[in-house]
Amino acid sequence: MAEKRLVRPRDDRVVAGVCSGIARYLDIDPVVVRLIWVILSMIGFVFTGIVVYLAAWLIIPEEEEDIIDAEYTVSEEAKV
């Protein structure tokens, strides 16, 4: 089995793909991660949530163009 990597996907983004990448890594719906991020940002300071998001944007690598996440692709196509 291939090693899981935390990357920002190119095909499922709202802003930079941070939440989508985290969701793929954890095998959950990206909407759940986005909602948790917003709720945690509102509980703390909104500015902190934005800074953490920007840091994650810089730290988490972008998905490489030639590499396809076969497991994710197959599971997504099975839903259609």
N, C-alpha and C. Protein backbone atom coordinates (compact mmCIF):
# COMPACT_ATOMS: atom_id res chain seq x y z
N MET A 1 0.84 -1.18 0.00
CA MET A 1 0.00 0.00 0.00
C MET A 1 0.89 1.25 0.00
N ALA A 2 0.49 2.23 -0.74
CA ALA A 2 1.27 3.45 -0.86
C ALA A 2 1.23 4.25 0.43
N GLU A 3 2.32 4.95 0.66
CA GLU A 3 2.42 5.79 1.85
C GLU A 3 1.53 7.02 1.68
N LYS A 4 0.78 7.35 2.73
CA LYS A 4 -0.07 8.54 2.70
C LYS A 4 0.79 9.77 2.84
N ARG A 5 0.47 10.79 2.05
CA ARG A 5 1.19 12.06 2.15
C ARG A 5 0.18 13.18 2.29
N LEU A 6 0.53 14.15 3.11
CA LEU A 6 -0.31 15.33 3.26
C LEU A 6 0.12 16.33 2.20
N VAL A 7 -0.75 16.54 1.22
CA VAL A 7 -0.48 17.49 0.13
C VAL A 7 -1.73 18.32 -0.12
N ARG A 8 -1.54 19.46 -0.75
CA ARG A 8 -2.67 20.29 -1.15
C ARG A 8 -3.07 19.89 -2.57
N PRO A 9 -4.27 19.31 -2.75
CA PRO A 9 -4.67 18.85 -4.08
C PRO A 9 -4.93 20.02 -5.03
N ARG A 10 -4.78 19.75 -6.30
CA ARG A 10 -5.01 20.77 -7.33
C ARG A 10 -6.48 20.84 -7.75
N ASP A 11 -7.22 19.75 -7.53
CA ASP A 11 -8.57 19.67 -8.09
C ASP A 11 -9.71 19.95 -7.12
N ASP A 12 -9.45 20.07 -5.85
CA ASP A 12 -10.54 20.26 -4.88
C ASP A 12 -10.17 21.38 -3.91
N ARG A 13 -10.19 22.60 -4.41
CA ARG A 13 -9.77 23.76 -3.62
C ARG A 13 -10.89 24.77 -3.48
N VAL A 14 -10.88 25.46 -2.36
CA VAL A 14 -11.70 26.65 -2.20
C VAL A 14 -10.77 27.86 -2.21
N VAL A 15 -9.72 27.81 -1.39
CA VAL A 15 -8.72 28.88 -1.39
C VAL A 15 -7.39 28.31 -1.84
N ALA A 16 -6.73 27.53 -0.97
CA ALA A 16 -5.41 27.01 -1.31
C ALA A 16 -5.34 25.48 -1.24
N GLY A 17 -6.41 24.83 -0.83
CA GLY A 17 -6.43 23.38 -0.76
C GLY A 17 -5.95 22.81 0.55
N VAL A 18 -5.75 23.65 1.56
CA VAL A 18 -5.25 23.17 2.86
C VAL A 18 -6.28 22.24 3.51
N CYS A 19 -7.50 22.69 3.65
CA CYS A 19 -8.54 21.87 4.30
C CYS A 19 -8.82 20.61 3.49
N SER A 20 -8.82 20.73 2.18
CA SER A 20 -9.06 19.57 1.33
C SER A 20 -7.95 18.54 1.47
N GLY A 21 -6.71 19.02 1.56
CA GLY A 21 -5.58 18.11 1.74
C GLY A 21 -5.64 17.40 3.08
N ILE A 22 -5.99 18.13 4.12
CA ILE A 22 -6.13 17.53 5.45
C ILE A 22 -7.26 16.50 5.44
N ALA A 23 -8.36 16.82 4.78
CA ALA A 23 -9.50 15.90 4.70
C ALA A 23 -9.12 14.62 3.96
N ARG A 24 -8.41 14.74 2.87
CA ARG A 24 -7.98 13.54 2.14
C ARG A 24 -7.05 12.70 2.99
N TYR A 25 -6.15 13.34 3.71
CA TYR A 25 -5.21 12.62 4.56
C TYR A 25 -5.94 11.86 5.67
N LEU A 26 -7.00 12.45 6.21
CA LEU A 26 -7.77 11.83 7.29
C LEU A 26 -8.95 11.00 6.78
N ASP A 27 -9.16 10.95 5.47
CA ASP A 27 -10.27 10.22 4.85
C ASP A 27 -11.63 10.69 5.36
N ILE A 28 -11.83 12.00 5.39
CA ILE A 28 -13.13 12.57 5.76
C ILE A 28 -13.52 13.61 4.73
N ASP A 29 -14.74 14.09 4.83
CA ASP A 29 -15.26 15.09 3.89
C ASP A 29 -14.59 16.44 4.12
N PRO A 30 -14.15 17.11 3.06
CA PRO A 30 -13.50 18.42 3.22
C PRO A 30 -14.39 19.46 3.89
N VAL A 31 -15.69 19.36 3.73
CA VAL A 31 -16.60 20.31 4.35
C VAL A 31 -16.49 20.23 5.88
N VAL A 32 -16.30 19.04 6.40
CA VAL A 32 -16.15 18.86 7.84
C VAL A 32 -14.91 19.59 8.33
N VAL A 33 -13.81 19.43 7.62
CA VAL A 33 -12.57 20.11 8.01
C VAL A 33 -12.74 21.62 7.92
N ARG A 34 -13.38 22.10 6.88
CA ARG A 34 -13.60 23.55 6.73
C ARG A 34 -14.47 24.09 7.86
N LEU A 35 -15.52 23.37 8.22
CA LEU A 35 -16.39 23.81 9.32
C LEU A 35 -15.65 23.83 10.65
N ILE A 36 -14.85 22.78 10.91
CA ILE A 36 -14.08 22.73 12.15
C ILE A 36 -13.10 23.90 12.18
N TRP A 37 -12.47 24.19 11.05
CA TRP A 37 -11.51 25.30 10.98
C TRP A 37 -12.19 26.63 11.31
N VAL A 38 -13.38 26.85 10.73
CA VAL A 38 -14.11 28.09 10.98
C VAL A 38 -14.53 28.18 12.44
N ILE A 39 -15.06 27.10 12.98
CA ILE A 39 -15.52 27.10 14.39
C ILE A 39 -14.35 27.36 15.34
N LEU A 40 -13.23 26.69 15.11
CA LEU A 40 -12.06 26.91 15.97
C LEU A 40 -11.52 28.33 15.82
N SER A 41 -11.61 28.89 14.62
CA SER A 41 -11.17 30.27 14.42
C SER A 41 -12.08 31.25 15.15
N MET A 42 -13.37 30.95 15.20
CA MET A 42 -14.32 31.82 15.88
C MET A 42 -14.18 31.72 17.40
N ILE A 43 -13.85 30.53 17.90
CA ILE A 43 -13.66 30.36 19.34
C ILE A 43 -12.44 31.14 19.80
N GLY A 44 -11.36 31.01 19.02
CA GLY A 44 -10.14 31.77 19.32
C GLY A 44 -10.26 33.13 18.65
N PHE A 45 -9.16 33.61 18.20
CA PHE A 45 -9.18 34.86 17.46
C PHE A 45 -9.15 34.53 15.98
N VAL A 46 -9.96 35.23 15.20
CA VAL A 46 -10.04 34.98 13.76
C VAL A 46 -8.67 35.17 13.13
N PHE A 47 -7.93 36.15 13.59
CA PHE A 47 -6.61 36.42 13.05
C PHE A 47 -5.69 35.21 13.20
N THR A 48 -5.80 34.52 14.33
CA THR A 48 -4.98 33.34 14.56
C THR A 48 -5.30 32.24 13.55
N GLY A 49 -6.58 32.02 13.27
CA GLY A 49 -6.98 31.03 12.28
C GLY A 49 -6.44 31.35 10.90
N ILE A 50 -6.44 32.63 10.56
CA ILE A 50 -5.92 33.05 9.25
C ILE A 50 -4.41 32.83 9.19
N VAL A 51 -3.71 33.18 10.26
CA VAL A 51 -2.25 33.00 10.28
C VAL A 51 -1.89 31.52 10.19
N VAL A 52 -2.61 30.66 10.92
CA VAL A 52 -2.35 29.23 10.88
C VAL A 52 -2.64 28.69 9.48
N TYR A 53 -3.71 29.15 8.85
CA TYR A 53 -4.04 28.71 7.49
C TYR A 53 -2.93 29.12 6.52
N LEU A 54 -2.47 30.35 6.61
CA LEU A 54 -1.40 30.81 5.73
C LEU A 54 -0.11 30.02 5.96
N ALA A 55 0.19 29.71 7.22
CA ALA A 55 1.37 28.90 7.51
C ALA A 55 1.23 27.51 6.91
N ALA A 56 0.04 26.91 7.05
CA ALA A 56 -0.19 25.59 6.47
C ALA A 56 -0.07 25.65 4.95
N TRP A 57 -0.54 26.73 4.35
CA TRP A 57 -0.43 26.92 2.90
C TRP A 57 1.04 26.89 2.47
N LEU A 58 1.89 27.50 3.26
CA LEU A 58 3.31 27.53 2.92
C LEU A 58 4.02 26.21 3.23
N ILE A 59 3.58 25.52 4.29
CA ILE A 59 4.28 24.31 4.74
C ILE A 59 3.85 23.07 3.97
N ILE A 60 2.55 22.91 3.74
CA ILE A 60 2.04 21.70 3.08
C ILE A 60 2.34 21.80 1.59
N PRO A 61 3.05 20.82 1.03
CA PRO A 61 3.40 20.90 -0.39
C PRO A 61 2.19 20.69 -1.29
N GLU A 62 2.27 21.28 -2.47
CA GLU A 62 1.21 21.11 -3.46
C GLU A 62 1.36 19.75 -4.13
N GLU A 63 0.24 19.16 -4.49
CA GLU A 63 0.23 17.88 -5.17
C GLU A 63 0.98 18.01 -6.49
N GLU A 64 1.83 17.04 -6.78
CA GLU A 64 2.58 17.09 -8.02
C GLU A 64 1.66 16.81 -9.20
N GLU A 65 1.95 17.42 -10.33
CA GLU A 65 1.07 17.35 -11.48
C GLU A 65 0.98 15.95 -12.08
N ASP A 66 2.11 15.23 -12.17
CA ASP A 66 2.09 13.93 -12.84
C ASP A 66 1.56 12.82 -11.96
N ILE A 67 1.58 13.01 -10.65
CA ILE A 67 1.18 11.94 -9.73
C ILE A 67 -0.32 12.02 -9.47
N ILE A 68 -0.98 10.89 -9.65
CA ILE A 68 -2.42 10.81 -9.40
C ILE A 68 -2.62 9.93 -8.18
N ASP A 69 -3.43 10.40 -7.26
CA ASP A 69 -3.76 9.61 -6.09
C ASP A 69 -4.79 8.56 -6.51
N ALA A 70 -4.30 7.39 -6.91
CA ALA A 70 -5.15 6.35 -7.48
C ALA A 70 -6.25 5.92 -6.52
N GLU A 71 -5.93 5.78 -5.25
CA GLU A 71 -6.94 5.35 -4.27
C GLU A 71 -8.07 6.36 -4.20
N TYR A 72 -7.74 7.65 -4.16
CA TYR A 72 -8.77 8.68 -4.09
C TYR A 72 -9.56 8.74 -5.39
N THR A 73 -8.89 8.63 -6.52
CA THR A 73 -9.55 8.69 -7.82
C THR A 73 -10.56 7.55 -7.97
N VAL A 74 -10.15 6.35 -7.60
CA VAL A 74 -11.05 5.19 -7.71
C VAL A 74 -12.24 5.37 -6.78
N SER A 75 -12.03 5.82 -5.55
CA SER A 75 -13.14 5.96 -4.63
C SER A 75 -14.09 7.06 -5.08
N GLU A 76 -13.56 8.14 -5.66
CA GLU A 76 -14.41 9.22 -6.15
C GLU A 76 -15.23 8.76 -7.36
N GLU A 77 -14.62 8.01 -8.27
CA GLU A 77 -15.33 7.55 -9.46
C GLU A 77 -16.39 6.52 -9.09
N ALA A 78 -16.17 5.77 -8.04
CA ALA A 78 -17.16 4.78 -7.59
C ALA A 78 -18.41 5.46 -7.07
N LYS A 79 -18.28 6.70 -6.56
CA LYS A 79 -19.44 7.43 -6.04
C LYS A 79 -20.32 7.95 -7.16
N VAL A 80 -19.75 8.19 -8.33
CA VAL A 80 -20.50 8.79 -9.43
C VAL A 80 -21.45 7.83 -10.05
